[in-house]
Amino acid sequence: MADSGAPRALRHLWASPAVFVMAAFVAFNVVGRGDAGWVLMGAGLSGPVVALAWHAVRRERPETAFVVVPLGLLALMTVLFGVNEGFPWG
């Protein structure tokens, strides 16, 4: 694996939306709690927001893959969960 130059903890923050998406899937489909699923989807933004703040404080630019993949995953799954379960604002 190529060294991206990012600390391991920072890479985990970028990858954290996957855990929240999985938990939201369980909340929507196994438990049947739509409200909890949407809260978990919103909480999925916490890792990338902290990672972006970290990069802003250090005046660094994050790698494109670290931004596109997690935020793209959240956007895609939000649309798919919204189509299947109904959007929280509608």
PDB file of N, CA and C in Angstrom:
ATOM      1  N   MET A   1       0.844  -1.176   0.000  1.00  0.00           N
ATOM      2  CA  MET A   1       0.000   0.000   0.000  1.00  0.00           C
ATOM      3  C   MET A   1       0.890   1.240   0.000  1.00  0.00           C
ATOM      4  N   ALA A   2       0.604   2.162  -0.856  1.00  0.00           N
ATOM      5  CA  ALA A   2       1.391   3.384  -0.949  1.00  0.00           C
ATOM      6  C   ALA A   2       1.132   4.271   0.254  1.00  0.00           C
ATOM      7  N   ASP A   3       2.181   4.921   0.705  1.00  0.00           N
ATOM      8  CA  ASP A   3       2.046   5.823   1.842  1.00  0.00           C
ATOM      9  C   ASP A   3       1.480   7.144   1.355  1.00  0.00           C
ATOM     10  N   SER A   4       0.332   7.523   1.875  1.00  0.00           N
ATOM     11  CA  SER A   4      -0.323   8.755   1.427  1.00  0.00           C
ATOM     12  C   SER A   4       0.217   9.977   2.144  1.00  0.00           C
ATOM     13  N   GLY A   5       0.993   9.791   3.184  1.00  0.00           N
ATOM     14  CA  GLY A   5       1.510  10.912   3.940  1.00  0.00           C
ATOM     15  C   GLY A   5       0.564  11.364   5.035  1.00  0.00           C
ATOM     16  N   ALA A   6      -0.655  10.872   5.040  1.00  0.00           N
ATOM     17  CA  ALA A   6      -1.627  11.237   6.068  1.00  0.00           C
ATOM     18  C   ALA A   6      -1.452  10.321   7.277  1.00  0.00           C
ATOM     19  N   PRO A   7      -1.583  10.875   8.476  1.00  0.00           N
ATOM     20  CA  PRO A   7      -1.508  10.021   9.662  1.00  0.00           C
ATOM     21  C   PRO A   7      -2.618   8.966   9.645  1.00  0.00           C
ATOM     22  N   ARG A   8      -2.346   7.854  10.310  1.00  0.00           N
ATOM     23  CA  ARG A   8      -3.305   6.746  10.320  1.00  0.00           C
ATOM     24  C   ARG A   8      -4.652   7.185  10.890  1.00  0.00           C
ATOM     25  N   ALA A   9      -4.651   7.959  11.960  1.00  0.00           N
ATOM     26  CA  ALA A   9      -5.915   8.412  12.559  1.00  0.00           C
ATOM     27  C   ALA A   9      -6.714   9.263  11.582  1.00  0.00           C
ATOM     28  N   LEU A  10      -6.029  10.058  10.796  1.00  0.00           N
ATOM     29  CA  LEU A  10      -6.714  10.902   9.820  1.00  0.00           C
ATOM     30  C   LEU A  10      -7.339  10.051   8.717  1.00  0.00           C
ATOM     31  N   ARG A  11      -6.651   8.996   8.304  1.00  0.00           N
ATOM     32  CA  ARG A  11      -7.223   8.094   7.304  1.00  0.00           C
ATOM     33  C   ARG A  11      -8.456   7.393   7.853  1.00  0.00           C
ATOM     34  N   HIS A  12      -8.448   7.064   9.144  1.00  0.00           N
ATOM     35  CA  HIS A  12      -9.617   6.439   9.758  1.00  0.00           C
ATOM     36  C   HIS A  12     -10.793   7.411   9.812  1.00  0.00           C
ATOM     37  N   LEU A  13     -10.516   8.683  10.053  1.00  0.00           N
ATOM     38  CA  LEU A  13     -11.593   9.678  10.038  1.00  0.00           C
ATOM     39  C   LEU A  13     -12.228   9.771   8.659  1.00  0.00           C
ATOM     40  N   TRP A  14     -11.413   9.721   7.608  1.00  0.00           N
ATOM     41  CA  TRP A  14     -11.961   9.783   6.259  1.00  0.00           C
ATOM     42  C   TRP A  14     -12.784   8.553   5.944  1.00  0.00           C
ATOM     43  N   ALA A  15     -12.405   7.403   6.501  1.00  0.00           N
ATOM     44  CA  ALA A  15     -13.120   6.157   6.212  1.00  0.00           C
ATOM     45  C   ALA A  15     -14.342   5.947   7.097  1.00  0.00           C
ATOM     46  N   SER A  16     -14.521   6.761   8.118  1.00  0.00           N
ATOM     47  CA  SER A  16     -15.596   6.547   9.087  1.00  0.00           C
ATOM     48  C   SER A  16     -17.015   6.583   8.505  1.00  0.00           C
ATOM     49  N   PRO A  17     -17.314   7.299   7.418  1.00  0.00           N
ATOM     50  CA  PRO A  17     -18.684   7.259   6.905  1.00  0.00           C
ATOM     51  C   PRO A  17     -19.169   5.858   6.559  1.00  0.00           C
ATOM     52  N   ALA A  18     -18.270   4.961   6.195  1.00  0.00           N
ATOM     53  CA  ALA A  18     -18.689   3.589   5.867  1.00  0.00           C
ATOM     54  C   ALA A  18     -19.328   2.908   7.077  1.00  0.00           C
ATOM     55  N   VAL A  19     -18.787   3.164   8.260  1.00  0.00           N
ATOM     56  CA  VAL A  19     -19.343   2.571   9.478  1.00  0.00           C
ATOM     57  C   VAL A  19     -20.735   3.144   9.756  1.00  0.00           C
ATOM     58  N   PHE A  20     -20.892   4.452   9.576  1.00  0.00           N
ATOM     59  CA  PHE A  20     -22.186   5.077   9.822  1.00  0.00           C
ATOM     60  C   PHE A  20     -23.227   4.636   8.799  1.00  0.00           C
ATOM     61  N   VAL A  21     -22.816   4.437   7.549  1.00  0.00           N
ATOM     62  CA  VAL A  21     -23.747   3.960   6.526  1.00  0.00           C
ATOM     63  C   VAL A  21     -24.222   2.544   6.869  1.00  0.00           C
ATOM     64  N   MET A  22     -23.305   1.697   7.330  1.00  0.00           N
ATOM     65  CA  MET A  22     -23.688   0.334   7.723  1.00  0.00           C
ATOM     66  C   MET A  22     -24.648   0.364   8.906  1.00  0.00           C
ATOM     67  N   ALA A  23     -24.366   1.209   9.892  1.00  0.00           N
ATOM     68  CA  ALA A  23     -25.266   1.320  11.048  1.00  0.00           C
ATOM     69  C   ALA A  23     -26.626   1.870  10.633  1.00  0.00           C
ATOM     70  N   ALA A  24     -26.649   2.816   9.708  1.00  0.00           N
ATOM     71  CA  ALA A  24     -27.927   3.352   9.222  1.00  0.00           C
ATOM     72  C   ALA A  24     -28.705   2.286   8.468  1.00  0.00           C
ATOM     73  N   PHE A  25     -28.017   1.457   7.701  1.00  0.00           N
ATOM     74  CA  PHE A  25     -28.672   0.360   6.999  1.00  0.00           C
ATOM     75  C   PHE A  25     -29.348  -0.579   7.991  1.00  0.00           C
ATOM     76  N   VAL A  26     -28.635  -0.895   9.066  1.00  0.00           N
ATOM     77  CA  VAL A  26     -29.214  -1.765  10.103  1.00  0.00           C
ATOM     78  C   VAL A  26     -30.409  -1.069  10.748  1.00  0.00           C
ATOM     79  N   ALA A  27     -30.292   0.227  11.028  1.00  0.00           N
ATOM     80  CA  ALA A  27     -31.403   0.951  11.656  1.00  0.00           C
ATOM     81  C   ALA A  27     -32.626   0.996  10.743  1.00  0.00           C
ATOM     82  N   PHE A  28     -32.408   1.189   9.462  1.00  0.00           N
ATOM     83  CA  PHE A  28     -33.533   1.250   8.530  1.00  0.00           C
ATOM     84  C   PHE A  28     -34.177  -0.111   8.310  1.00  0.00           C
ATOM     85  N   ASN A  29     -33.370  -1.125   8.064  1.00  0.00           N
ATOM     86  CA  ASN A  29     -33.896  -2.398   7.575  1.00  0.00           C
ATOM     87  C   ASN A  29     -34.072  -3.470   8.633  1.00  0.00           C
ATOM     88  N   VAL A  30     -33.228  -3.514   9.623  1.00  0.00           N
ATOM     89  CA  VAL A  30     -33.329  -4.569  10.632  1.00  0.00           C
ATOM     90  C   VAL A  30     -34.178  -4.109  11.802  1.00  0.00           C
ATOM     91  N   VAL A  31     -33.875  -2.936  12.320  1.00  0.00           N
ATOM     92  CA  VAL A  31     -34.583  -2.420  13.484  1.00  0.00           C
ATOM     93  C   VAL A  31     -35.886  -1.742  13.072  1.00  0.00           C
ATOM     94  N   GLY A  32     -35.910  -1.147  11.885  1.00  0.00           N
ATOM     95  CA  GLY A  32     -37.112  -0.475  11.405  1.00  0.00           C
ATOM     96  C   GLY A  32     -37.280   0.930  11.962  1.00  0.00           C
ATOM     97  N   ARG A  33     -36.191   1.547  12.409  1.00  0.00           N
ATOM     98  CA  ARG A  33     -36.241   2.903  12.965  1.00  0.00           C
ATOM     99  C   ARG A  33     -35.681   3.887  11.947  1.00  0.00           C
ATOM    100  N   GLY A  34     -36.551   4.545  11.210  1.00  0.00           N
ATOM    101  CA  GLY A  34     -36.110   5.501  10.207  1.00  0.00           C
ATOM    102  C   GLY A  34     -35.439   6.718  10.793  1.00  0.00           C
ATOM    103  N   ASP A  35     -35.953   7.209  11.936  1.00  0.00           N
ATOM    104  CA  ASP A  35     -35.354   8.391  12.562  1.00  0.00           C
ATOM    105  C   ASP A  35     -33.919   8.118  12.976  1.00  0.00           C
ATOM    106  N   ALA A  36     -33.678   6.965  13.556  1.00  0.00           N
ATOM    107  CA  ALA A  36     -32.319   6.608  13.979  1.00  0.00           C
ATOM    108  C   ALA A  36     -31.403   6.474  12.766  1.00  0.00           C
ATOM    109  N   GLY A  37     -31.934   5.952  11.678  1.00  0.00           N
ATOM    110  CA  GLY A  37     -31.136   5.825  10.464  1.00  0.00           C
ATOM    111  C   GLY A  37     -30.695   7.169   9.918  1.00  0.00           C
ATOM    112  N   TRP A  38     -31.603   8.145   9.916  1.00  0.00           N
ATOM    113  CA  TRP A  38     -31.233   9.467   9.414  1.00  0.00           C
ATOM    114  C   TRP A  38     -30.270  10.175  10.352  1.00  0.00           C
ATOM    115  N   VAL A  39     -30.402   9.953  11.649  1.00  0.00           N
ATOM    116  CA  VAL A  39     -29.443  10.536  12.594  1.00  0.00           C
ATOM    117  C   VAL A  39     -28.055   9.957  12.335  1.00  0.00           C
ATOM    118  N   LEU A  40     -27.993   8.661  12.104  1.00  0.00           N
ATOM    119  CA  LEU A  40     -26.703   8.027  11.825  1.00  0.00           C
ATOM    120  C   LEU A  40     -26.109   8.511  10.504  1.00  0.00           C
ATOM    121  N   MET A  41     -26.954   8.735   9.509  1.00  0.00           N
ATOM    122  CA  MET A  41     -26.447   9.264   8.240  1.00  0.00           C
ATOM    123  C   MET A  41     -25.878  10.677   8.439  1.00  0.00           C
ATOM    124  N   GLY A  42     -26.552  11.472   9.232  1.00  0.00           N
ATOM    125  CA  GLY A  42     -26.029  12.807   9.530  1.00  0.00           C
ATOM    126  C   GLY A  42     -24.734  12.750  10.324  1.00  0.00           C
ATOM    127  N   ALA A  43     -24.659  11.811  11.256  1.00  0.00           N
ATOM    128  CA  ALA A  43     -23.448  11.659  12.055  1.00  0.00           C
ATOM    129  C   ALA A  43     -22.278  11.175  11.209  1.00  0.00           C
ATOM    130  N   GLY A  44     -22.579  10.559  10.077  1.00  0.00           N
ATOM    131  CA  GLY A  44     -21.520  10.108   9.182  1.00  0.00           C
ATOM    132  C   GLY A  44     -20.667  11.244   8.646  1.00  0.00           C
ATOM    133  N   LEU A  45     -21.177  12.449   8.699  1.00  0.00           N
ATOM    134  CA  LEU A  45     -20.397  13.605   8.262  1.00  0.00           C
ATOM    135  C   LEU A  45     -19.363  14.054   9.291  1.00  0.00           C
ATOM    136  N   SER A  46     -19.464  13.564  10.520  1.00  0.00           N
ATOM    137  CA  SER A  46     -18.579  14.036  11.583  1.00  0.00           C
ATOM    138  C   SER A  46     -17.115  13.727  11.296  1.00  0.00           C
ATOM    139  N   GLY A  47     -16.807  12.537  10.819  1.00  0.00           N
ATOM    140  CA  GLY A  47     -15.414  12.188  10.532  1.00  0.00           C
ATOM    141  C   GLY A  47     -14.792  13.046   9.450  1.00  0.00           C
ATOM    142  N   PRO A  48     -15.428  13.157   8.274  1.00  0.00           N
ATOM    143  CA  PRO A  48     -14.854  14.016   7.233  1.00  0.00           C
ATOM    144  C   PRO A  48     -14.772  15.491   7.624  1.00  0.00           C
ATOM    145  N   VAL A  49     -15.721  15.973   8.414  1.00  0.00           N
ATOM    146  CA  VAL A  49     -15.671  17.380   8.845  1.00  0.00           C
ATOM    147  C   VAL A  49     -14.463  17.610   9.757  1.00  0.00           C
ATOM    148  N   VAL A  50     -14.228  16.689  10.680  1.00  0.00           N
ATOM    149  CA  VAL A  50     -13.058  16.801  11.562  1.00  0.00           C
ATOM    150  C   VAL A  50     -11.773  16.690  10.742  1.00  0.00           C
ATOM    151  N   ALA A  51     -11.752  15.775   9.775  1.00  0.00           N
ATOM    152  CA  ALA A  51     -10.560  15.626   8.935  1.00  0.00           C
ATOM    153  C   ALA A  51     -10.317  16.881   8.091  1.00  0.00           C
ATOM    154  N   LEU A  52     -11.372  17.477   7.550  1.00  0.00           N
ATOM    155  CA  LEU A  52     -11.209  18.720   6.792  1.00  0.00           C
ATOM    156  C   LEU A  52     -10.709  19.852   7.676  1.00  0.00           C
ATOM    157  N   ALA A  53     -11.222  19.916   8.901  1.00  0.00           N
ATOM    158  CA  ALA A  53     -10.740  20.933   9.845  1.00  0.00           C
ATOM    159  C   ALA A  53      -9.266  20.713  10.155  1.00  0.00           C
ATOM    160  N   TRP A  54      -8.873  19.446  10.321  1.00  0.00           N
ATOM    161  CA  TRP A  54      -7.474  19.121  10.580  1.00  0.00           C
ATOM    162  C   TRP A  54      -6.589  19.632   9.435  1.00  0.00           C
ATOM    163  N   HIS A  55      -7.026  19.374   8.205  1.00  0.00           N
ATOM    164  CA  HIS A  55      -6.258  19.830   7.050  1.00  0.00           C
ATOM    165  C   HIS A  55      -6.250  21.353   6.965  1.00  0.00           C
ATOM    166  N   ALA A  56      -7.344  21.993   7.306  1.00  0.00           N
ATOM    167  CA  ALA A  56      -7.402  23.455   7.245  1.00  0.00           C
ATOM    168  C   ALA A  56      -6.470  24.087   8.272  1.00  0.00           C
ATOM    169  N   VAL A  57      -6.422  23.515   9.467  1.00  0.00           N
ATOM    170  CA  VAL A  57      -5.541  24.053  10.510  1.00  0.00           C
ATOM    171  C   VAL A  57      -4.080  23.905  10.094  1.00  0.00           C
ATOM    172  N   ARG A  58      -3.768  22.771   9.499  1.00  0.00           N
ATOM    173  CA  ARG A  58      -2.385  22.529   9.081  1.00  0.00           C
ATOM    174  C   ARG A  58      -2.080  23.120   7.710  1.00  0.00           C
ATOM    175  N   ARG A  59      -3.085  23.751   7.095  1.00  0.00           N
ATOM    176  CA  ARG A  59      -2.946  24.370   5.773  1.00  0.00           C
ATOM    177  C   ARG A  59      -2.442  23.377   4.731  1.00  0.00           C
ATOM    178  N   GLU A  60      -3.061  22.201   4.738  1.00  0.00           N
ATOM    179  CA  GLU A  60      -2.742  21.158   3.771  1.00  0.00           C
ATOM    180  C   GLU A  60      -3.966  20.890   2.908  1.00  0.00           C
ATOM    181  N   ARG A  61      -3.713  20.355   1.765  1.00  0.00           N
ATOM    182  CA  ARG A  61      -4.809  19.974   0.885  1.00  0.00           C
ATOM    183  C   ARG A  61      -4.971  18.456   0.969  1.00  0.00           C
ATOM    184  N   PRO A  62      -6.179  17.980   1.301  1.00  0.00           N
ATOM    185  CA  PRO A  62      -6.357  16.527   1.375  1.00  0.00           C
ATOM    186  C   PRO A  62      -6.312  15.897  -0.009  1.00  0.00           C
ATOM    187  N   GLU A  63      -5.930  14.623  -0.027  1.00  0.00           N
ATOM    188  CA  GLU A  63      -5.929  13.913  -1.302  1.00  0.00           C
ATOM    189  C   GLU A  63      -7.358  13.791  -1.815  1.00  0.00           C
ATOM    190  N   THR A  64      -7.503  13.841  -3.115  1.00  0.00           N
ATOM    191  CA  THR A  64      -8.826  13.822  -3.737  1.00  0.00           C
ATOM    192  C   THR A  64      -9.613  12.576  -3.364  1.00  0.00           C
ATOM    193  N   ALA A  65      -8.967  11.430  -3.338  1.00  0.00           N
ATOM    194  CA  ALA A  65      -9.665  10.181  -3.019  1.00  0.00           C
ATOM    195  C   ALA A  65     -10.208  10.196  -1.602  1.00  0.00           C
ATOM    196  N   PHE A  66      -9.501  10.856  -0.685  1.00  0.00           N
ATOM    197  CA  PHE A  66      -9.965  10.921   0.696  1.00  0.00           C
ATOM    198  C   PHE A  66     -11.237  11.754   0.819  1.00  0.00           C
ATOM    199  N   VAL A  67     -11.483  12.653  -0.109  1.00  0.00           N
ATOM    200  CA  VAL A  67     -12.676  13.492  -0.059  1.00  0.00           C
ATOM    201  C   VAL A  67     -13.810  12.898  -0.886  1.00  0.00           C
ATOM    202  N   VAL A  68     -13.505  12.477  -2.096  1.00  0.00           N
ATOM    203  CA  VAL A  68     -14.536  12.045  -3.040  1.00  0.00           C
ATOM    204  C   VAL A  68     -15.201  10.742  -2.604  1.00  0.00           C
ATOM    205  N   VAL A  69     -14.423   9.768  -2.189  1.00  0.00           N
ATOM    206  CA  VAL A  69     -14.991   8.457  -1.870  1.00  0.00           C
ATOM    207  C   VAL A  69     -15.932   8.507  -0.659  1.00  0.00           C
ATOM    208  N   PRO A  70     -15.511   9.047   0.491  1.00  0.00           N
ATOM    209  CA  PRO A  70     -16.444   9.033   1.633  1.00  0.00           C
ATOM    210  C   PRO A  70     -17.660   9.926   1.435  1.00  0.00           C
ATOM    211  N   LEU A  71     -17.462  11.119   0.893  1.00  0.00           N
ATOM    212  CA  LEU A  71     -18.602  12.008   0.702  1.00  0.00           C
ATOM    213  C   LEU A  71     -19.494  11.529  -0.439  1.00  0.00           C
ATOM    214  N   GLY A  72     -18.906  10.912  -1.443  1.00  0.00           N
ATOM    215  CA  GLY A  72     -19.704  10.309  -2.507  1.00  0.00           C
ATOM    216  C   GLY A  72     -20.532   9.144  -1.997  1.00  0.00           C
ATOM    217  N   LEU A  73     -19.940   8.335  -1.108  1.00  0.00           N
ATOM    218  CA  LEU A  73     -20.675   7.232  -0.490  1.00  0.00           C
ATOM    219  C   LEU A  73     -21.861   7.755   0.306  1.00  0.00           C
ATOM    220  N   LEU A  74     -21.635   8.800   1.100  1.00  0.00           N
ATOM    221  CA  LEU A  74     -22.741   9.370   1.882  1.00  0.00           C
ATOM    222  C   LEU A  74     -23.831   9.929   0.974  1.00  0.00           C
ATOM    223  N   ALA A  75     -23.438  10.620  -0.090  1.00  0.00           N
ATOM    224  CA  ALA A  75     -24.434  11.198  -0.996  1.00  0.00           C
ATOM    225  C   ALA A  75     -25.235  10.104  -1.698  1.00  0.00           C
ATOM    226  N   LEU A  76     -24.548   9.089  -2.190  1.00  0.00           N
ATOM    227  CA  LEU A  76     -25.231   7.996  -2.879  1.00  0.00           C
ATOM    228  C   LEU A  76     -26.187   7.258  -1.950  1.00  0.00           C
ATOM    229  N   MET A  77     -25.723   6.920  -0.760  1.00  0.00           N
ATOM    230  CA  MET A  77     -26.564   6.165   0.159  1.00  0.00           C
ATOM    231  C   MET A  77     -27.711   7.016   0.699  1.00  0.00           C
ATOM    232  N   THR A  78     -27.509   8.329   0.822  1.00  0.00           N
ATOM    233  CA  THR A  78     -28.606   9.201   1.233  1.00  0.00           C
ATOM    234  C   THR A  78     -29.723   9.169   0.192  1.00  0.00           C
ATOM    235  N   VAL A  79     -29.352   9.237  -1.074  1.00  0.00           N
ATOM    236  CA  VAL A  79     -30.358   9.175  -2.132  1.00  0.00           C
ATOM    237  C   VAL A  79     -31.052   7.818  -2.134  1.00  0.00           C
ATOM    238  N   LEU A  80     -30.278   6.743  -2.032  1.00  0.00           N
ATOM    239  CA  LEU A  80     -30.876   5.407  -2.055  1.00  0.00           C
ATOM    240  C   LEU A  80     -31.770   5.159  -0.844  1.00  0.00           C
ATOM    241  N   PHE A  81     -31.315   5.543   0.351  1.00  0.00           N
ATOM    242  CA  PHE A  81     -32.164   5.395   1.534  1.00  0.00           C
ATOM    243  C   PHE A  81     -33.391   6.285   1.436  1.00  0.00           C
ATOM    244  N   GLY A  82     -33.232   7.486   0.873  1.00  0.00           N
ATOM    245  CA  GLY A  82     -34.365   8.388   0.719  1.00  0.00           C
ATOM    246  C   GLY A  82     -35.413   7.853  -0.230  1.00  0.00           C
ATOM    247  N   VAL A  83     -34.972   7.247  -1.316  1.00  0.00           N
ATOM    248  CA  VAL A  83     -35.914   6.658  -2.265  1.00  0.00           C
ATOM    249  C   VAL A  83     -36.642   5.474  -1.623  1.00  0.00           C
ATOM    250  N   ASN A  84     -35.915   4.694  -0.869  1.00  0.00           N
ATOM    251  CA  ASN A  84     -36.485   3.487  -0.272  1.00  0.00           C
ATOM    252  C   ASN A  84     -37.324   3.783   0.971  1.00  0.00           C
ATOM    253  N   GLU A  85     -36.842   4.636   1.849  1.00  0.00           N
ATOM    254  CA  GLU A  85     -37.491   4.888   3.147  1.00  0.00           C
ATOM    255  C   GLU A  85     -38.249   6.207   3.197  1.00  0.00           C
ATOM    256  N   GLY A  86     -38.010   7.085   2.269  1.00  0.00           N
ATOM    257  CA  GLY A  86     -38.598   8.424   2.307  1.00  0.00           C
ATOM    258  C   GLY A  86     -37.625   9.396   2.951  1.00  0.00           C
ATOM    259  N   PHE A  87     -37.490  10.556   2.358  1.00  0.00           N
ATOM    260  CA  PHE A  87     -36.563  11.539   2.884  1.00  0.00           C
ATOM    261  C   PHE A  87     -37.113  12.126   4.187  1.00  0.00           C
ATOM    262  N   PRO A  88     -36.233  12.523   5.110  1.00  0.00           N
ATOM    263  CA  PRO A  88     -36.717  13.022   6.404  1.00  0.00           C
ATOM    264  C   PRO A  88     -37.442  14.359   6.311  1.00  0.00           C
ATOM    265  N   TRP A  89     -37.172  15.126   5.271  1.00  0.00           N
ATOM    266  CA  TRP A  89     -37.807  16.438   5.145  1.00  0.00           C
ATOM    267  C   TRP A  89     -39.051  16.413   4.270  1.00  0.00           C
ATOM    268  N   GLY A  90     -39.405  15.234   3.757  1.00  0.00           N
ATOM    269  CA  GLY A  90     -40.534  15.191   2.840  1.00  0.00           C
ATOM    270  C   GLY A  90     -41.684  14.364   3.266  1.00  0.00           C
TER     271      GLY A  90
END
